[in-house]
Amino acid sequence: MAMNDTYAANEPPREEIDALMGATLVEFGAPWCGFCRTAQGPLAAAMAQHPGVRHIKIEDGKGRRLGRSFGVRLWPTLVFIKDGAEVARLVRPADAGAIVQALGQIHTVG
C-alpha cells in the first residue's frame, strides 16, 4: 500500500471504516486547504517508513457524514486506526516525527 495523493470525493460509510482489519490511516482534508497541502511532505516522509499502512484520504466538508462521525473540526485531521479502533489522532501535524510515532502505534515495520 502507498500514500494516496488524491482526496476521495465519495466517502465510505463509517461501518466500512470500523470493519477494516490491520493498520489504516484516515486523512480528512480538502485539496484547496493550505494546512492540508503543507502537511503532505511530512505525511509522505512518514508513510514511506510504514508502507504497509492503508491510507484513505477523504475530502471533508459541510454535511459530510464520515468526518462528522469522527468529530473532525480542523484539517487535516489524521485518524490512526488498528483493526477498526481509533488508536491515535493528529490535527494539523507540523512534522513527520509525530506522524511516524502515531503510525508506529498501529503498524509494526517488518
PDB file of N, CA and C in Angstrom:
ATOM      1  N   MET A   1       0.849  -1.185   0.000  1.00  0.00           N
ATOM      2  CA  MET A   1       0.000   0.000   0.000  1.00  0.00           C
ATOM      3  C   MET A   1       0.886   1.237   0.000  1.00  0.00           C
ATOM      4  N   ALA A   2       0.387   2.291  -0.513  1.00  0.00           N
ATOM      5  CA  ALA A   2       1.164   3.521  -0.589  1.00  0.00           C
ATOM      6  C   ALA A   2       0.285   4.702  -0.226  1.00  0.00           C
ATOM      7  N   MET A   3       0.943   5.828  -0.041  1.00  0.00           N
ATOM      8  CA  MET A   3       0.212   7.048   0.273  1.00  0.00           C
ATOM      9  C   MET A   3      -0.654   7.455  -0.914  1.00  0.00           C
ATOM     10  N   ASN A   4      -1.875   7.833  -0.632  1.00  0.00           N
ATOM     11  CA  ASN A   4      -2.767   8.372  -1.658  1.00  0.00           C
ATOM     12  C   ASN A   4      -2.457   9.845  -1.860  1.00  0.00           C
ATOM     13  N   ASP A   5      -2.498  10.277  -3.104  1.00  0.00           N
ATOM     14  CA  ASP A   5      -2.261  11.684  -3.403  1.00  0.00           C
ATOM     15  C   ASP A   5      -3.548  12.458  -3.634  1.00  0.00           C
ATOM     16  N   THR A   6      -4.659  11.758  -3.802  1.00  0.00           N
ATOM     17  CA  THR A   6      -5.918  12.397  -4.167  1.00  0.00           C
ATOM     18  C   THR A   6      -6.983  12.155  -3.110  1.00  0.00           C
ATOM     19  N   TYR A   7      -7.673  13.222  -2.740  1.00  0.00           N
ATOM     20  CA  TYR A   7      -8.791  13.097  -1.810  1.00  0.00           C
ATOM     21  C   TYR A   7      -9.978  12.451  -2.517  1.00  0.00           C
ATOM     22  N   ALA A   8     -10.554  11.434  -1.899  1.00  0.00           N
ATOM     23  CA  ALA A   8     -11.738  10.779  -2.456  1.00  0.00           C
ATOM     24  C   ALA A   8     -12.955  11.669  -2.210  1.00  0.00           C
ATOM     25  N   ALA A   9     -13.686  11.956  -3.267  1.00  0.00           N
ATOM     26  CA  ALA A   9     -14.886  12.783  -3.135  1.00  0.00           C
ATOM     27  C   ALA A   9     -16.031  11.976  -2.526  1.00  0.00           C
ATOM     28  N   ASN A  10     -16.053  10.667  -2.783  1.00  0.00           N
ATOM     29  CA  ASN A  10     -17.093   9.800  -2.236  1.00  0.00           C
ATOM     30  C   ASN A  10     -16.553   9.111  -0.993  1.00  0.00           C
ATOM     31  N   GLU A  11     -17.163   9.414   0.118  1.00  0.00           N
ATOM     32  CA  GLU A  11     -16.697   8.834   1.375  1.00  0.00           C
ATOM     33  C   GLU A  11     -17.341   7.478   1.631  1.00  0.00           C
ATOM     34  N   PRO A  12     -16.566   6.546   2.191  1.00  0.00           N
ATOM     35  CA  PRO A  12     -17.165   5.254   2.550  1.00  0.00           C
ATOM     36  C   PRO A  12     -18.036   5.428   3.791  1.00  0.00           C
ATOM     37  N   PRO A  13     -18.955   4.519   4.023  1.00  0.00           N
ATOM     38  CA  PRO A  13     -19.743   4.597   5.259  1.00  0.00           C
ATOM     39  C   PRO A  13     -18.863   4.295   6.474  1.00  0.00           C
ATOM     40  N   ARG A  14     -19.222   4.844   7.626  1.00  0.00           N
ATOM     41  CA  ARG A  14     -18.451   4.649   8.850  1.00  0.00           C
ATOM     42  C   ARG A  14     -18.317   3.160   9.179  1.00  0.00           C
ATOM     43  N   GLU A  15     -19.362   2.383   8.912  1.00  0.00           N
ATOM     44  CA  GLU A  15     -19.330   0.952   9.203  1.00  0.00           C
ATOM     45  C   GLU A  15     -18.202   0.261   8.446  1.00  0.00           C
ATOM     46  N   GLU A  16     -17.943   0.722   7.233  1.00  0.00           N
ATOM     47  CA  GLU A  16     -16.870   0.138   6.421  1.00  0.00           C
ATOM     48  C   GLU A  16     -15.505   0.433   7.047  1.00  0.00           C
ATOM     49  N   ILE A  17     -15.320   1.646   7.534  1.00  0.00           N
ATOM     50  CA  ILE A  17     -14.057   2.015   8.194  1.00  0.00           C
ATOM     51  C   ILE A  17     -13.898   1.197   9.479  1.00  0.00           C
ATOM     52  N   ASP A  18     -14.954   1.095  10.253  1.00  0.00           N
ATOM     53  CA  ASP A  18     -14.902   0.359  11.516  1.00  0.00           C
ATOM     54  C   ASP A  18     -14.623  -1.124  11.319  1.00  0.00           C
ATOM     55  N   ALA A  19     -14.914  -1.659  10.144  1.00  0.00           N
ATOM     56  CA  ALA A  19     -14.722  -3.083   9.873  1.00  0.00           C
ATOM     57  C   ALA A  19     -13.343  -3.405   9.302  1.00  0.00           C
ATOM     58  N   LEU A  20     -12.528  -2.381   9.014  1.00  0.00           N
ATOM     59  CA  LEU A  20     -11.220  -2.622   8.419  1.00  0.00           C
ATOM     60  C   LEU A  20     -10.268  -3.292   9.408  1.00  0.00           C
ATOM     61  N   MET A  21      -9.614  -4.329   8.956  1.00  0.00           N
ATOM     62  CA  MET A  21      -8.611  -5.000   9.771  1.00  0.00           C
ATOM     63  C   MET A  21      -7.233  -4.495   9.366  1.00  0.00           C
ATOM     64  N   GLY A  22      -6.320  -4.496  10.309  1.00  0.00           N
ATOM     65  CA  GLY A  22      -4.969  -4.033  10.032  1.00  0.00           C
ATOM     66  C   GLY A  22      -4.824  -2.556  10.345  1.00  0.00           C
ATOM     67  N   ALA A  23      -3.720  -2.000   9.860  1.00  0.00           N
ATOM     68  CA  ALA A  23      -3.367  -0.609  10.115  1.00  0.00           C
ATOM     69  C   ALA A  23      -3.921   0.301   9.020  1.00  0.00           C
ATOM     70  N   THR A  24      -4.641   1.330   9.440  1.00  0.00           N
ATOM     71  CA  THR A  24      -5.259   2.265   8.494  1.00  0.00           C
ATOM     72  C   THR A  24      -5.075   3.693   8.982  1.00  0.00           C
ATOM     73  N   LEU A  25      -4.702   4.567   8.077  1.00  0.00           N
ATOM     74  CA  LEU A  25      -4.670   5.996   8.353  1.00  0.00           C
ATOM     75  C   LEU A  25      -5.781   6.631   7.526  1.00  0.00           C
ATOM     76  N   VAL A  26      -6.713   7.301   8.203  1.00  0.00           N
ATOM     77  CA  VAL A  26      -7.766   8.036   7.517  1.00  0.00           C
ATOM     78  C   VAL A  26      -7.422   9.512   7.637  1.00  0.00           C
ATOM     79  N   GLU A  27      -7.238  10.153   6.497  1.00  0.00           N
ATOM     80  CA  GLU A  27      -6.876  11.574   6.445  1.00  0.00           C
ATOM     81  C   GLU A  27      -8.082  12.367   5.964  1.00  0.00           C
ATOM     82  N   PHE A  28      -8.506  13.334   6.765  1.00  0.00           N
ATOM     83  CA  PHE A  28      -9.608  14.223   6.391  1.00  0.00           C
ATOM     84  C   PHE A  28      -9.026  15.581   6.033  1.00  0.00           C
ATOM     85  N   GLY A  29      -9.451  16.131   4.903  1.00  0.00           N
ATOM     86  CA  GLY A  29      -8.973  17.431   4.479  1.00  0.00           C
ATOM     87  C   GLY A  29      -9.657  17.853   3.191  1.00  0.00           C
ATOM     88  N   ALA A  30      -9.013  18.772   2.486  1.00  0.00           N
ATOM     89  CA  ALA A  30      -9.530  19.261   1.213  1.00  0.00           C
ATOM     90  C   ALA A  30      -8.350  19.670   0.335  1.00  0.00           C
ATOM     91  N   PRO A  31      -8.461  19.480  -0.969  1.00  0.00           N
ATOM     92  CA  PRO A  31      -7.330  19.777  -1.846  1.00  0.00           C
ATOM     93  C   PRO A  31      -6.942  21.253  -1.878  1.00  0.00           C
ATOM     94  N   TRP A  32      -7.857  22.140  -1.547  1.00  0.00           N
ATOM     95  CA  TRP A  32      -7.569  23.573  -1.579  1.00  0.00           C
ATOM     96  C   TRP A  32      -7.070  24.102  -0.229  1.00  0.00           C
ATOM     97  N   CYS A  33      -7.059  23.260   0.810  1.00  0.00           N
ATOM     98  CA  CYS A  33      -6.683  23.663   2.166  1.00  0.00           C
ATOM     99  C   CYS A  33      -5.169  23.839   2.276  1.00  0.00           C
ATOM    100  N   GLY A  34      -4.731  25.024   2.651  1.00  0.00           N
ATOM    101  CA  GLY A  34      -3.303  25.297   2.802  1.00  0.00           C
ATOM    102  C   GLY A  34      -2.643  24.437   3.865  1.00  0.00           C
ATOM    103  N   PHE A  35      -3.304  24.224   4.995  1.00  0.00           N
ATOM    104  CA  PHE A  35      -2.757  23.369   6.046  1.00  0.00           C
ATOM    105  C   PHE A  35      -2.591  21.938   5.537  1.00  0.00           C
ATOM    106  N   CYS A  36      -3.548  21.482   4.745  1.00  0.00           N
ATOM    107  CA  CYS A  36      -3.503  20.123   4.178  1.00  0.00           C
ATOM    108  C   CYS A  36      -2.331  19.979   3.211  1.00  0.00           C
ATOM    109  N   ARG A  37      -2.155  20.974   2.354  1.00  0.00           N
ATOM    110  CA  ARG A  37      -1.048  20.931   1.394  1.00  0.00           C
ATOM    111  C   ARG A  37       0.292  20.953   2.122  1.00  0.00           C
ATOM    112  N   THR A  38       0.408  21.752   3.180  1.00  0.00           N
ATOM    113  CA  THR A  38       1.649  21.835   3.946  1.00  0.00           C
ATOM    114  C   THR A  38       1.978  20.511   4.620  1.00  0.00           C
ATOM    115  N   ALA A  39       0.965  19.775   5.030  1.00  0.00           N
ATOM    116  CA  ALA A  39       1.179  18.507   5.736  1.00  0.00           C
ATOM    117  C   ALA A  39       1.580  17.367   4.802  1.00  0.00           C
ATOM    118  N   GLN A  40       1.441  17.522   3.495  1.00  0.00           N
ATOM    119  CA  GLN A  40       1.683  16.413   2.580  1.00  0.00           C
ATOM    120  C   GLN A  40       3.138  15.943   2.568  1.00  0.00           C
ATOM    121  N   GLY A  41       4.103  16.858   2.670  1.00  0.00           N
ATOM    122  CA  GLY A  41       5.521  16.472   2.700  1.00  0.00           C
ATOM    123  C   GLY A  41       5.849  15.620   3.920  1.00  0.00           C
ATOM    124  N   PRO A  42       5.538  16.109   5.132  1.00  0.00           N
ATOM    125  CA  PRO A  42       5.777  15.288   6.319  1.00  0.00           C
ATOM    126  C   PRO A  42       5.003  13.968   6.294  1.00  0.00           C
ATOM    127  N   LEU A  43       3.787  14.000   5.774  1.00  0.00           N
ATOM    128  CA  LEU A  43       2.984  12.782   5.697  1.00  0.00           C
ATOM    129  C   LEU A  43       3.633  11.767   4.755  1.00  0.00           C
ATOM    130  N   ALA A  44       4.111  12.224   3.610  1.00  0.00           N
ATOM    131  CA  ALA A  44       4.771  11.334   2.652  1.00  0.00           C
ATOM    132  C   ALA A  44       6.033  10.727   3.257  1.00  0.00           C
ATOM    133  N   ALA A  45       6.816  11.545   3.975  1.00  0.00           N
ATOM    134  CA  ALA A  45       8.034  11.037   4.611  1.00  0.00           C
ATOM    135  C   ALA A  45       7.711   9.976   5.648  1.00  0.00           C
ATOM    136  N   ALA A  46       6.674  10.193   6.436  1.00  0.00           N
ATOM    137  CA  ALA A  46       6.280   9.236   7.471  1.00  0.00           C
ATOM    138  C   ALA A  46       5.717   7.965   6.854  1.00  0.00           C
ATOM    139  N   MET A  47       4.875   8.105   5.846  1.00  0.00           N
ATOM    140  CA  MET A  47       4.263   6.942   5.204  1.00  0.00           C
ATOM    141  C   MET A  47       5.318   6.076   4.513  1.00  0.00           C
ATOM    142  N   ALA A  48       6.403   6.688   4.034  1.00  0.00           N
ATOM    143  CA  ALA A  48       7.477   5.925   3.391  1.00  0.00           C
ATOM    144  C   ALA A  48       8.103   4.930   4.361  1.00  0.00           C
ATOM    145  N   GLN A  49       8.043   5.233   5.654  1.00  0.00           N
ATOM    146  CA  GLN A  49       8.596   4.345   6.677  1.00  0.00           C
ATOM    147  C   GLN A  49       7.606   3.260   7.087  1.00  0.00           C
ATOM    148  N   HIS A  50       6.367   3.388   6.667  1.00  0.00           N
ATOM    149  CA  HIS A  50       5.308   2.431   7.019  1.00  0.00           C
ATOM    150  C   HIS A  50       4.498   2.081   5.767  1.00  0.00           C
ATOM    151  N   PRO A  51       5.140   1.430   4.786  1.00  0.00           N
ATOM    152  CA  PRO A  51       4.454   1.169   3.516  1.00  0.00           C
ATOM    153  C   PRO A  51       3.279   0.202   3.623  1.00  0.00           C
ATOM    154  N   GLY A  52       3.163  -0.532   4.707  1.00  0.00           N
ATOM    155  CA  GLY A  52       2.059  -1.478   4.851  1.00  0.00           C
ATOM    156  C   GLY A  52       0.781  -0.882   5.397  1.00  0.00           C
ATOM    157  N   VAL A  53       0.794   0.413   5.685  1.00  0.00           N
ATOM    158  CA  VAL A  53      -0.391   1.064   6.242  1.00  0.00           C
ATOM    159  C   VAL A  53      -1.321   1.497   5.110  1.00  0.00           C
ATOM    160  N   ARG A  54      -2.581   1.131   5.231  1.00  0.00           N
ATOM    161  CA  ARG A  54      -3.625   1.555   4.284  1.00  0.00           C
ATOM    162  C   ARG A  54      -3.872   3.051   4.526  1.00  0.00           C
ATOM    163  N   HIS A  55      -3.909   3.848   3.454  1.00  0.00           N
ATOM    164  CA  HIS A  55      -4.125   5.295   3.562  1.00  0.00           C
ATOM    165  C   HIS A  55      -5.402   5.662   2.820  1.00  0.00           C
ATOM    166  N   ILE A  56      -6.377   6.127   3.569  1.00  0.00           N
ATOM    167  CA  ILE A  56      -7.645   6.560   2.988  1.00  0.00           C
ATOM    168  C   ILE A  56      -7.711   8.070   3.141  1.00  0.00           C
ATOM    169  N   LYS A  57      -7.782   8.751   2.030  1.00  0.00           N
ATOM    170  CA  LYS A  57      -7.757  10.211   2.002  1.00  0.00           C
ATOM    171  C   LYS A  57      -9.155  10.695   1.617  1.00  0.00           C
ATOM    172  N   ILE A  58      -9.838  11.348   2.547  1.00  0.00           N
ATOM    173  CA  ILE A  58     -11.237  11.730   2.357  1.00  0.00           C
ATOM    174  C   ILE A  58     -11.373  13.254   2.262  1.00  0.00           C
ATOM    175  N   GLU A  59     -12.021  13.715   1.198  1.00  0.00           N
ATOM    176  CA  GLU A  59     -12.344  15.134   1.094  1.00  0.00           C
ATOM    177  C   GLU A  59     -13.498  15.417   2.046  1.00  0.00           C
ATOM    178  N   ASP A  60     -13.244  16.274   3.016  1.00  0.00           N
ATOM    179  CA  ASP A  60     -14.224  16.569   4.047  1.00  0.00           C
ATOM    180  C   ASP A  60     -14.870  17.919   3.763  1.00  0.00           C
ATOM    181  N   GLY A  61     -15.969  18.181   4.406  1.00  0.00           N
ATOM    182  CA  GLY A  61     -16.650  19.458   4.240  1.00  0.00           C
ATOM    183  C   GLY A  61     -18.005  19.429   4.912  1.00  0.00           C
ATOM    184  N   LYS A  62     -18.696  20.533   4.799  1.00  0.00           N
ATOM    185  CA  LYS A  62     -20.012  20.665   5.409  1.00  0.00           C
ATOM    186  C   LYS A  62     -20.942  19.565   4.912  1.00  0.00           C
ATOM    187  N   GLY A  63     -21.625  18.937   5.850  1.00  0.00           N
ATOM    188  CA  GLY A  63     -22.584  17.904   5.509  1.00  0.00           C
ATOM    189  C   GLY A  63     -21.981  16.544   5.212  1.00  0.00           C
ATOM    190  N   ARG A  64     -20.660  16.411   5.369  1.00  0.00           N
ATOM    191  CA  ARG A  64     -20.011  15.125   5.111  1.00  0.00           C
ATOM    192  C   ARG A  64     -20.098  14.277   6.372  1.00  0.00           C
ATOM    193  N   ARG A  65     -20.777  13.162   6.284  1.00  0.00           N
ATOM    194  CA  ARG A  65     -21.089  12.345   7.461  1.00  0.00           C
ATOM    195  C   ARG A  65     -19.888  11.670   8.099  1.00  0.00           C
ATOM    196  N   LEU A  66     -18.957  11.181   7.290  1.00  0.00           N
ATOM    197  CA  LEU A  66     -17.833  10.441   7.861  1.00  0.00           C
ATOM    198  C   LEU A  66     -16.988  11.343   8.757  1.00  0.00           C
ATOM    199  N   GLY A  67     -16.668  12.518   8.281  1.00  0.00           N
ATOM    200  CA  GLY A  67     -15.900  13.464   9.097  1.00  0.00           C
ATOM    201  C   GLY A  67     -16.619  13.838  10.378  1.00  0.00           C
ATOM    202  N   ARG A  68     -17.934  14.049  10.283  1.00  0.00           N
ATOM    203  CA  ARG A  68     -18.691  14.396  11.487  1.00  0.00           C
ATOM    204  C   ARG A  68     -18.709  13.222  12.464  1.00  0.00           C
ATOM    205  N   SER A  69     -18.773  11.987  11.944  1.00  0.00           N
ATOM    206  CA  SER A  69     -18.806  10.825  12.834  1.00  0.00           C
ATOM    207  C   SER A  69     -17.501  10.673  13.609  1.00  0.00           C
ATOM    208  N   PHE A  70     -16.409  11.210  13.056  1.00  0.00           N
ATOM    209  CA  PHE A  70     -15.120  11.193  13.740  1.00  0.00           C
ATOM    210  C   PHE A  70     -14.872  12.490  14.520  1.00  0.00           C
ATOM    211  N   GLY A  71     -15.810  13.416  14.492  1.00  0.00           N
ATOM    212  CA  GLY A  71     -15.659  14.671  15.225  1.00  0.00           C
ATOM    213  C   GLY A  71     -14.607  15.598  14.638  1.00  0.00           C
ATOM    214  N   VAL A  72     -14.392  15.527  13.338  1.00  0.00           N
ATOM    215  CA  VAL A  72     -13.388  16.363  12.678  1.00  0.00           C
ATOM    216  C   VAL A  72     -13.845  17.812  12.674  1.00  0.00           C
ATOM    217  N   ARG A  73     -12.961  18.696  13.135  1.00  0.00           N
ATOM    218  CA  ARG A  73     -13.267  20.126  13.166  1.00  0.00           C
ATOM    219  C   ARG A  73     -12.261  20.947  12.357  1.00  0.00           C
ATOM    220  N   LEU A  74     -11.002  20.479  12.311  1.00  0.00           N
ATOM    221  CA  LEU A  74      -9.940  21.186  11.591  1.00  0.00           C
ATOM    222  C   LEU A  74      -9.272  20.231  10.616  1.00  0.00           C
ATOM    223  N   TRP A  75      -8.694  20.787   9.569  1.00  0.00           N
ATOM    224  CA  TRP A  75      -7.989  19.989   8.563  1.00  0.00           C
ATOM    225  C   TRP A  75      -6.517  20.314   8.577  1.00  0.00           C
ATOM    226  N   PRO A  76      -5.685  19.397   8.221  1.00  0.00           N
ATOM    227  CA  PRO A  76      -6.012  17.990   8.105  1.00  0.00           C
ATOM    228  C   PRO A  76      -6.131  17.338   9.485  1.00  0.00           C
ATOM    229  N   THR A  77      -6.996  16.376   9.572  1.00  0.00           N
ATOM    230  CA  THR A  77      -7.090  15.518  10.754  1.00  0.00           C
ATOM    231  C   THR A  77      -6.722  14.115  10.304  1.00  0.00           C
ATOM    232  N   LEU A  78      -5.737  13.537  10.994  1.00  0.00           N
ATOM    233  CA  LEU A  78      -5.279  12.190  10.699  1.00  0.00           C
ATOM    234  C   LEU A  78      -5.766  11.272  11.806  1.00  0.00           C
ATOM    235  N   VAL A  79      -6.520  10.251  11.438  1.00  0.00           N
ATOM    236  CA  VAL A  79      -7.043   9.289  12.404  1.00  0.00           C
ATOM    237  C   VAL A  79      -6.344   7.951  12.140  1.00  0.00           C
ATOM    238  N   PHE A  80      -5.645   7.450  13.144  1.00  0.00           N
ATOM    239  CA  PHE A  80      -4.868   6.220  13.033  1.00  0.00           C
ATOM    240  C   PHE A  80      -5.685   5.081  13.642  1.00  0.00           C
ATOM    241  N   ILE A  81      -5.981   4.078  12.827  1.00  0.00           N
ATOM    242  CA  ILE A  81      -6.893   3.010  13.210  1.00  0.00           C
ATOM    243  C   ILE A  81      -6.185   1.666  13.100  1.00  0.00           C
ATOM    244  N   LYS A  82      -6.392   0.829  14.101  1.00  0.00           N
ATOM    245  CA  LYS A  82      -5.897  -0.548  14.047  1.00  0.00           C
ATOM    246  C   LYS A  82      -7.067  -1.478  14.311  1.00  0.00           C
ATOM    247  N   ASP A  83      -7.308  -2.372  13.360  1.00  0.00           N
ATOM    248  CA  ASP A  83      -8.403  -3.339  13.459  1.00  0.00           C
ATOM    249  C   ASP A  83      -9.731  -2.673  13.813  1.00  0.00           C
ATOM    250  N   GLY A  84     -10.008  -1.550  13.145  1.00  0.00           N
ATOM    251  CA  GLY A  84     -11.285  -0.872  13.291  1.00  0.00           C
ATOM    252  C   GLY A  84     -11.421   0.070  14.465  1.00  0.00           C
ATOM    253  N   ALA A  85     -10.395   0.156  15.322  1.00  0.00           N
ATOM    254  CA  ALA A  85     -10.465   1.019  16.510  1.00  0.00           C
ATOM    255  C   ALA A  85      -9.468   2.170  16.396  1.00  0.00           C
ATOM    256  N   GLU A  86      -9.918   3.378  16.714  1.00  0.00           N
ATOM    257  CA  GLU A  86      -9.019   4.529  16.705  1.00  0.00           C
ATOM    258  C   GLU A  86      -7.992   4.389  17.820  1.00  0.00           C
ATOM    259  N   VAL A  87      -6.720   4.548  17.447  1.00  0.00           N
ATOM    260  CA  VAL A  87      -5.612   4.418  18.390  1.00  0.00           C
ATOM    261  C   VAL A  87      -4.972   5.777  18.662  1.00  0.00           C
ATOM    262  N   ALA A  88      -4.913   6.621  17.639  1.00  0.00           N
ATOM    263  CA  ALA A  88      -4.283   7.938  17.778  1.00  0.00           C
ATOM    264  C   ALA A  88      -4.927   8.896  16.788  1.00  0.00           C
ATOM    265  N   ARG A  89      -4.689  10.185  17.039  1.00  0.00           N
ATOM    266  CA  ARG A  89      -5.235  11.231  16.172  1.00  0.00           C
ATOM    267  C   ARG A  89      -4.274  12.411  16.206  1.00  0.00           C
ATOM    268  N   LEU A  90      -4.055  12.993  15.042  1.00  0.00           N
ATOM    269  CA  LEU A  90      -3.253  14.216  14.932  1.00  0.00           C
ATOM    270  C   LEU A  90      -4.055  15.240  14.146  1.00  0.00           C
ATOM    271  N   VAL A  91      -4.038  16.467  14.608  1.00  0.00           N
ATOM    272  CA  VAL A  91      -4.703  17.560  13.920  1.00  0.00           C
ATOM    273  C   VAL A  91      -3.639  18.574  13.519  1.00  0.00           C
ATOM    274  N   ARG A  92      -3.576  18.859  12.237  1.00  0.00           N
ATOM    275  CA  ARG A  92      -2.601  19.782  11.665  1.00  0.00           C
ATOM    276  C   ARG A  92      -1.180  19.444  12.106  1.00  0.00           C
ATOM    277  N   PRO A  93      -0.721  18.235  11.810  1.00  0.00           N
ATOM    278  CA  PRO A  93       0.637  17.855  12.205  1.00  0.00           C
ATOM    279  C   PRO A  93       1.668  18.725  11.503  1.00  0.00           C
ATOM    280  N   ALA A  94       2.687  19.130  12.256  1.00  0.00           N
ATOM    281  CA  ALA A  94       3.682  20.047  11.714  1.00  0.00           C
ATOM    282  C   ALA A  94       4.930  19.334  11.199  1.00  0.00           C
ATOM    283  N   ASP A  95       5.161  18.105  11.674  1.00  0.00           N
ATOM    284  CA  ASP A  95       6.381  17.424  11.255  1.00  0.00           C
ATOM    285  C   ASP A  95       6.151  15.926  11.129  1.00  0.00           C
ATOM    286  N   ALA A  96       7.070  15.276  10.433  1.00  0.00           N
ATOM    287  CA  ALA A  96       6.955  13.842  10.192  1.00  0.00           C
ATOM    288  C   ALA A  96       7.120  13.031  11.467  1.00  0.00           C
ATOM    289  N   GLY A  97       7.858  13.544  12.442  1.00  0.00           N
ATOM    290  CA  GLY A  97       8.115  12.794  13.672  1.00  0.00           C
ATOM    291  C   GLY A  97       6.847  12.386  14.396  1.00  0.00           C
ATOM    292  N   ALA A  98       5.918  13.293  14.537  1.00  0.00           N
ATOM    293  CA  ALA A  98       4.661  12.981  15.220  1.00  0.00           C
ATOM    294  C   ALA A  98       3.856  11.955  14.425  1.00  0.00           C
ATOM    295  N   ILE A  99       3.892  12.059  13.108  1.00  0.00           N
ATOM    296  CA  ILE A  99       3.160  11.119  12.263  1.00  0.00           C
ATOM    297  C   ILE A  99       3.796   9.735  12.349  1.00  0.00           C
ATOM    298  N   VAL A 100       5.123   9.680  12.317  1.00  0.00           N
ATOM    299  CA  VAL A 100       5.833   8.400  12.432  1.00  0.00           C
ATOM    300  C   VAL A 100       5.498   7.735  13.759  1.00  0.00           C
ATOM    301  N   GLN A 101       5.483   8.518  14.832  1.00  0.00           N
ATOM    302  CA  GLN A 101       5.169   7.966  16.151  1.00  0.00           C
ATOM    303  C   GLN A 101       3.756   7.375  16.174  1.00  0.00           C
ATOM    304  N   ALA A 102       2.790   8.094  15.622  1.00  0.00           N
ATOM    305  CA  ALA A 102       1.409   7.594  15.587  1.00  0.00           C
ATOM    306  C   ALA A 102       1.300   6.363  14.693  1.00  0.00           C
ATOM    307  N   LEU A 103       1.988   6.365  13.560  1.00  0.00           N
ATOM    308  CA  LEU A 103       1.973   5.190  12.681  1.00  0.00           C
ATOM    309  C   LEU A 103       2.556   3.973  13.402  1.00  0.00           C
ATOM    310  N   GLY A 104       3.576   4.206  14.218  1.00  0.00           N
ATOM    311  CA  GLY A 104       4.183   3.122  14.983  1.00  0.00           C
ATOM    312  C   GLY A 104       3.221   2.477  15.966  1.00  0.00           C
ATOM    313  N   GLN A 105       2.206   3.214  16.381  1.00  0.00           N
ATOM    314  CA  GLN A 105       1.209   2.677  17.315  1.00  0.00           C
ATOM    315  C   GLN A 105       0.246   1.709  16.621  1.00  0.00           C
ATOM    316  N   ILE A 106       0.143   1.810  15.291  1.00  0.00           N
ATOM    317  CA  ILE A 106      -0.805   0.942  14.590  1.00  0.00           C
ATOM    318  C   ILE A 106      -0.116  -0.064  13.676  1.00  0.00           C
ATOM    319  N   HIS A 107       1.191   0.111  13.424  1.00  0.00           N
ATOM    320  CA  HIS A 107       1.860  -0.717  12.422  1.00  0.00           C
ATOM    321  C   HIS A 107       3.256  -1.102  12.887  1.00  0.00           C
ATOM    322  N   THR A 108       3.565  -2.350  12.742  1.00  0.00           N
ATOM    323  CA  THR A 108       4.910  -2.829  13.035  1.00  0.00           C
ATOM    324  C   THR A 108       5.651  -2.937  11.717  1.00  0.00           C
ATOM    325  N   VAL A 109       6.780  -2.229  11.616  1.00  0.00           N
ATOM    326  CA  VAL A 109       7.579  -2.297  10.401  1.00  0.00           C
ATOM    327  C   VAL A 109       8.264  -3.649  10.390  1.00  0.00           C
ATOM    328  N   GLY A 110       8.179  -4.330   9.242  1.00  0.00           N
ATOM    329  CA  GLY A 110       8.725  -5.606   9.332  1.00  0.00           C
ATOM    330  C   GLY A 110       9.284  -6.300   8.239  1.00  0.00           C
TER     331      GLY A 110
END
